[in-house]
C-alpha atoms as a PDB file:
ATOM      1  CA  MET A   1      11.288  15.829  13.257  1.00  0.00           C
ATOM      2  CA  GLY A   2      10.192  12.169  13.064  1.00  0.00           C
ATOM      3  CA  VAL A   3       6.820  11.382  11.540  1.00  0.00           C
ATOM      4  CA  GLU A   4       6.708  14.711   9.663  1.00  0.00           C
ATOM      5  CA  GLU A   5       9.677  13.576   7.563  1.00  0.00           C
ATOM      6  CA  LEU A   6       7.894  10.299   6.831  1.00  0.00           C
ATOM      7  CA  TYR A   7       4.807  12.244   5.690  1.00  0.00           C
ATOM      8  CA  GLN A   8       7.069  14.271   3.389  1.00  0.00           C
ATOM      9  CA  ILE A   9       8.642  11.125   1.892  1.00  0.00           C
ATOM     10  CA  ALA A  10       5.183   9.629   1.310  1.00  0.00           C
ATOM     11  CA  LYS A  11       3.998  12.793  -0.413  1.00  0.00           C
ATOM     12  CA  GLU A  12       7.100  13.142  -2.604  1.00  0.00           C
ATOM     13  CA  GLU A  13       7.666   9.487  -3.472  1.00  0.00           C
ATOM     14  CA  PHE A  14       4.196   7.960  -3.645  1.00  0.00           C
ATOM     15  CA  ALA A  15       1.602  10.608  -4.583  1.00  0.00           C
ATOM     16  CA  GLU A  16       1.604   9.998  -8.315  1.00  0.00           C
ATOM     17  CA  ASP A  17      -0.164   8.463 -11.278  1.00  0.00           C
ATOM     18  CA  LEU A  18       1.697   5.635 -12.992  1.00  0.00           C
ATOM     19  CA  ILE A  19       1.162   4.494 -16.562  1.00  0.00           C
ATOM     20  CA  PHE A  20       1.844   0.861 -17.449  1.00  0.00           C
ATOM     21  CA  GLU A  21       1.914  -0.727 -20.901  1.00  0.00           C
ATOM     22  CA  LEU A  22       0.433  -4.205 -20.488  1.00  0.00           C
ATOM     23  CA  GLU A  23       1.082  -7.026 -22.931  1.00  0.00           C
ATOM     24  CA  GLY A  24      -1.516  -8.003 -25.483  1.00  0.00           C
ATOM     25  CA  GLY A  25      -1.966  -4.677 -27.240  1.00  0.00           C
ATOM     26  CA  ASN A  26      -4.182  -3.221 -24.532  1.00  0.00           C
ATOM     27  CA  PRO A  27      -4.275   0.556 -24.123  1.00  0.00           C
ATOM     28  CA  PRO A  28      -1.975   1.955 -21.408  1.00  0.00           C
ATOM     29  CA  LEU A  29      -3.229   1.487 -17.851  1.00  0.00           C
ATOM     30  CA  THR A  30      -3.209   4.361 -15.386  1.00  0.00           C
ATOM     31  CA  VAL A  31      -2.637   3.466 -11.732  1.00  0.00           C
ATOM     32  CA  SER A  32      -3.255   6.313  -9.278  1.00  0.00           C
ATOM     33  CA  ILE A  33      -1.724   5.992  -5.825  1.00  0.00           C
ATOM     34  CA  LYS A  34      -4.319   7.384  -3.445  1.00  0.00           C
ATOM     35  CA  GLY A  35      -3.185   6.457   0.059  1.00  0.00           C
ATOM     36  CA  LEU A  36      -0.367   5.082   2.159  1.00  0.00           C
ATOM     37  CA  LEU A  37      -0.391   3.554   5.629  1.00  0.00           C
ATOM     38  CA  LEU A  38       2.743   2.684   7.598  1.00  0.00           C
ATOM     39  CA  ALA A  39       2.338   0.054  10.327  1.00  0.00           C
ATOM     40  CA  ARG A  40       4.870  -1.431  12.715  1.00  0.00           C
ATOM     41  CA  VAL A  41       4.905  -5.247  12.930  1.00  0.00           C
ATOM     42  CA  LYS A  42       6.794  -7.783  15.047  1.00  0.00           C
ATOM     43  CA  SER A  43       8.449  -9.642  12.164  1.00  0.00           C
ATOM     44  CA  SER A  44      11.264  -8.501   9.893  1.00  0.00           C
ATOM     45  CA  THR A  45      10.429 -10.950   7.104  1.00  0.00           C
ATOM     46  CA  TYR A  46       9.800  -9.713   3.598  1.00  0.00           C
ATOM     47  CA  ASN A  47       6.362 -10.323   2.157  1.00  0.00           C
ATOM     48  CA  PHE A  48       3.684  -8.766  -0.006  1.00  0.00           C
ATOM     49  CA  SER A  49      -0.001  -9.233  -0.700  1.00  0.00           C
ATOM     50  CA  PHE A  50      -2.843  -7.544  -2.535  1.00  0.00           C
ATOM     51  CA  PHE A  51      -6.301  -6.729  -1.192  1.00  0.00           C
ATOM     52  CA  GLU A  52      -8.981  -6.129  -3.807  1.00  0.00           C
ATOM     53  CA  VAL A  53     -11.351  -3.580  -2.288  1.00  0.00           C
ATOM     54  CA  THR A  54     -13.492  -2.570  -5.285  1.00  0.00           C
ATOM     55  CA  GLU A  55     -13.547  -3.343  -9.015  1.00  0.00           C
ATOM     56  CA  ASN A  56     -10.784  -0.817  -9.639  1.00  0.00           C
ATOM     57  CA  GLY A  57      -9.505  -0.046  -6.133  1.00  0.00           C
ATOM     58  CA  SER A  58      -6.914  -2.215  -4.410  1.00  0.00           C
ATOM     59  CA  VAL A  59      -4.282  -2.134  -1.689  1.00  0.00           C
ATOM     60  CA  LEU A  60      -0.756  -3.458  -2.003  1.00  0.00           C
ATOM     61  CA  ALA A  61       0.794  -4.492   1.327  1.00  0.00           C
ATOM     62  CA  VAL A  62       4.583  -4.850   1.445  1.00  0.00           C
ATOM     63  CA  GLN A  63       6.290  -6.033   4.628  1.00  0.00           C
ATOM     64  CA  MET A  64       9.884  -4.926   5.098  1.00  0.00           C
ATOM     65  CA  LYS A  65      12.119  -4.183   8.120  1.00  0.00           C
ATOM     66  CA  TYR A  66       9.517  -4.556  10.908  1.00  0.00           C
ATOM     67  CA  PHE A  67       7.012  -2.457   8.939  1.00  0.00           C
ATOM     68  CA  VAL A  68       4.141  -3.046   6.556  1.00  0.00           C
ATOM     69  CA  VAL A  69       3.501  -0.351   3.980  1.00  0.00           C
ATOM     70  CA  TYR A  70      -0.054  -0.405   2.634  1.00  0.00           C
ATOM     71  CA  ILE A  71      -0.429   1.425  -0.671  1.00  0.00           C
ATOM     72  CA  ALA A  72      -3.992   2.153  -1.824  1.00  0.00           C
ATOM     73  CA  PHE A  73      -4.369   2.607  -5.561  1.00  0.00           C
ATOM     74  CA  GLU A  74      -7.064   2.882  -8.200  1.00  0.00           C
ATOM     75  CA  THR A  75      -6.910   1.834 -11.836  1.00  0.00           C
ATOM     76  CA  ASP A  76      -8.755   3.583 -14.622  1.00  0.00           C
ATOM     77  CA  GLU A  77     -10.475   0.318 -15.603  1.00  0.00           C
ATOM     78  CA  GLU A  78     -11.296  -3.088 -14.168  1.00  0.00           C
ATOM     79  CA  LEU A  79      -8.562  -5.637 -14.847  1.00  0.00           C
ATOM     80  CA  SER A  80      -8.657  -9.333 -15.674  1.00  0.00           C
ATOM     81  CA  GLU A  81      -6.688 -11.668 -13.405  1.00  0.00           C
ATOM     82  CA  GLU A  82      -3.843 -11.831 -15.941  1.00  0.00           C
ATOM     83  CA  GLU A  83      -3.721  -8.045 -16.321  1.00  0.00           C
ATOM     84  CA  PHE A  84      -3.842  -7.587 -12.551  1.00  0.00           C
ATOM     85  CA  ALA A  85      -0.918 -10.010 -12.102  1.00  0.00           C
ATOM     86  CA  GLU A  86       1.125  -8.204 -14.760  1.00  0.00           C
ATOM     87  CA  MET A  87       0.311  -4.782 -13.301  1.00  0.00           C
ATOM     88  CA  GLY A  88       1.100  -6.051  -9.787  1.00  0.00           C
ATOM     89  CA  LYS A  89       4.541  -7.234 -10.864  1.00  0.00           C
ATOM     90  CA  ALA A  90       5.297  -3.897 -12.541  1.00  0.00           C
ATOM     91  CA  LEU A  91       3.985  -1.999  -9.516  1.00  0.00           C
ATOM     92  CA  LEU A  92       6.181  -4.003  -7.130  1.00  0.00           C
ATOM     93  CA  GLU A  93       9.261  -3.485  -9.307  1.00  0.00           C
ATOM     94  CA  TYR A  94       8.661   0.258  -9.430  1.00  0.00           C
ATOM     95  CA  LEU A  95       7.678   0.803  -5.784  1.00  0.00           C
ATOM     96  CA  THR A  96      10.109  -1.489  -3.938  1.00  0.00           C
ATOM     97  CA  PRO A  97      12.990   1.060  -3.846  1.00  0.00           C
ATOM     98  CA  LYS A  98      10.576   3.733  -2.592  1.00  0.00           C
ATOM     99  CA  ILE A  99       9.226   1.381   0.085  1.00  0.00           C
ATOM    100  CA  ALA A 100      12.798   0.529   1.117  1.00  0.00           C
ATOM    101  CA  LEU A 101      13.569   4.257   1.474  1.00  0.00           C
ATOM    102  CA  LEU A 102      10.455   4.791   3.598  1.00  0.00           C
ATOM    103  CA  THR A 103      11.063   1.793   5.876  1.00  0.00           C
ATOM    104  CA  THR A 104      14.761   2.655   6.290  1.00  0.00           C
ATOM    105  CA  LYS A 105      13.805   6.163   7.419  1.00  0.00           C
ATOM    106  CA  ALA A 106      11.008   4.766   9.602  1.00  0.00           C
ATOM    107  CA  GLU A 107      13.523   2.544  11.428  1.00  0.00           C
ATOM    108  CA  LYS A 108      15.354   5.701  12.484  1.00  0.00           C
ATOM    109  CA  LEU A 109      12.483   8.162  12.930  1.00  0.00           C
ATOM    110  CA  TYR A 110       9.260   6.317  13.820  1.00  0.00           C
ATOM    111  CA  ARG A 111       9.566   5.785  17.546  1.00  0.00           C
ATOM    112  CA  GLY A 112       6.254   5.758  19.346  1.00  0.00           C
ATOM    113  CA  GLY A 113       3.474   4.825  16.984  1.00  0.00           C
ATOM    114  CA  LYS A 114       2.004   1.543  15.861  1.00  0.00           C
ATOM    115  CA  ALA A 115       0.440   2.810  12.619  1.00  0.00           C
ATOM    116  CA  ASP A 116      -0.219   6.070  10.793  1.00  0.00           C
ATOM    117  CA  ILE A 117      -1.831   7.120   7.532  1.00  0.00           C
ATOM    118  CA  LEU A 118       0.920   9.036   5.739  1.00  0.00           C
ATOM    119  CA  LEU A 119      -0.959   9.868   2.543  1.00  0.00           C
ATOM    120  CA  ASP A 120      -4.624  10.406   1.684  1.00  0.00           C
ATOM    121  CA  ASP A 121      -4.827  11.803  -1.815  1.00  0.00           C
ATOM    122  CA  GLY A 122      -8.541  11.668  -2.491  1.00  0.00           C
ATOM    123  CA  MET A 123      -9.175   7.989  -1.782  1.00  0.00           C
ATOM    124  CA  SER A 124     -12.612   6.716  -2.708  1.00  0.00           C
ATOM    125  CA  PRO A 125     -14.912   6.121   0.273  1.00  0.00           C
ATOM    126  CA  ASP A 126     -14.426   2.334   0.007  1.00  0.00           C
ATOM    127  CA  LEU A 127     -10.630   2.600  -0.065  1.00  0.00           C
ATOM    128  CA  ARG A 128     -10.648   5.112   2.785  1.00  0.00           C
ATOM    129  CA  GLU A 129     -12.846   2.855   4.915  1.00  0.00           C
ATOM    130  CA  PHE A 130     -10.573  -0.121   4.206  1.00  0.00           C
ATOM    131  CA  MET A 131      -7.381   1.824   5.023  1.00  0.00           C
ATOM    132  CA  TYR A 132      -8.809   3.233   8.240  1.00  0.00           C
ATOM    133  CA  SER A 133      -9.974  -0.231   9.294  1.00  0.00           C
ATOM    134  CA  LEU A 134      -6.383  -1.442   8.747  1.00  0.00           C
ATOM    135  CA  LEU A 135      -5.150   1.506  10.811  1.00  0.00           C
ATOM    136  CA  MET A 136      -7.458   0.629  13.698  1.00  0.00           C
ATOM    137  CA  LYS A 137      -6.568  -3.075  13.569  1.00  0.00           C
ATOM    138  CA  HIS A 138      -2.857  -2.279  13.765  1.00  0.00           C
ATOM    139  CA  ARG A 139      -3.354   0.215  16.595  1.00  0.00           C
ATOM    140  CA  LYS A 140      -5.321  -2.415  18.547  1.00  0.00           C
ATOM    141  CA  GLY A 141      -2.713  -5.094  17.810  1.00  0.00           C
ATOM    142  CA  GLU A 142      -5.131  -7.187  15.735  1.00  0.00           C
ATOM    143  CA  SER A 143      -4.328  -9.049  12.527  1.00  0.00           C
ATOM    144  CA  PRO A 144      -5.307  -7.186   9.351  1.00  0.00           C
ATOM    145  CA  TYR A 145      -6.280 -10.490   7.718  1.00  0.00           C
ATOM    146  CA  GLU A 146      -9.759 -11.901   8.067  1.00  0.00           C
ATOM    147  CA  GLN A 147      -9.834 -15.003  10.225  1.00  0.00           C
ATOM    148  CA  THR A 148     -12.261 -17.705   9.174  1.00  0.00           C
ATOM    149  CA  GLU A 149     -13.084 -20.980  10.811  1.00  0.00           C
ATOM    150  CA  ALA A 150     -13.378 -24.282   9.004  1.00  0.00           C
ATOM    151  CA  ALA A 151     -16.955 -25.466   8.741  1.00  0.00           C
END
């Protein structure tokens, strides 16, 4: 079975809209998960980072068990830095068990590949371009982070 089971987990566990109540009396925030990329990496450390792609489209990268799971999501409105930090914390708390399930299964089932898009649920063109550029970087063995030189 292999990667097909991972696609099924991604579809069942991640293809959803989440509603968060942020502090400060703001209206509820809807976060729509639009895409998921699984990439094999050489390190088993645990780490996470956010990539802001557009005003309301971002990617959460969580590294766990020799894999990085990139989750593309869109919010229904642009967020301030404080709101983004609060939403990011809530998103991590909610998604970490699902990411652990996916990476645990990937350890057993994902044998040959370096990276695969497991979910594309109507990503915006900008998010899709960003996710596919990540896919290509991982398949070529390049770093997904932009390298800059000191002036």
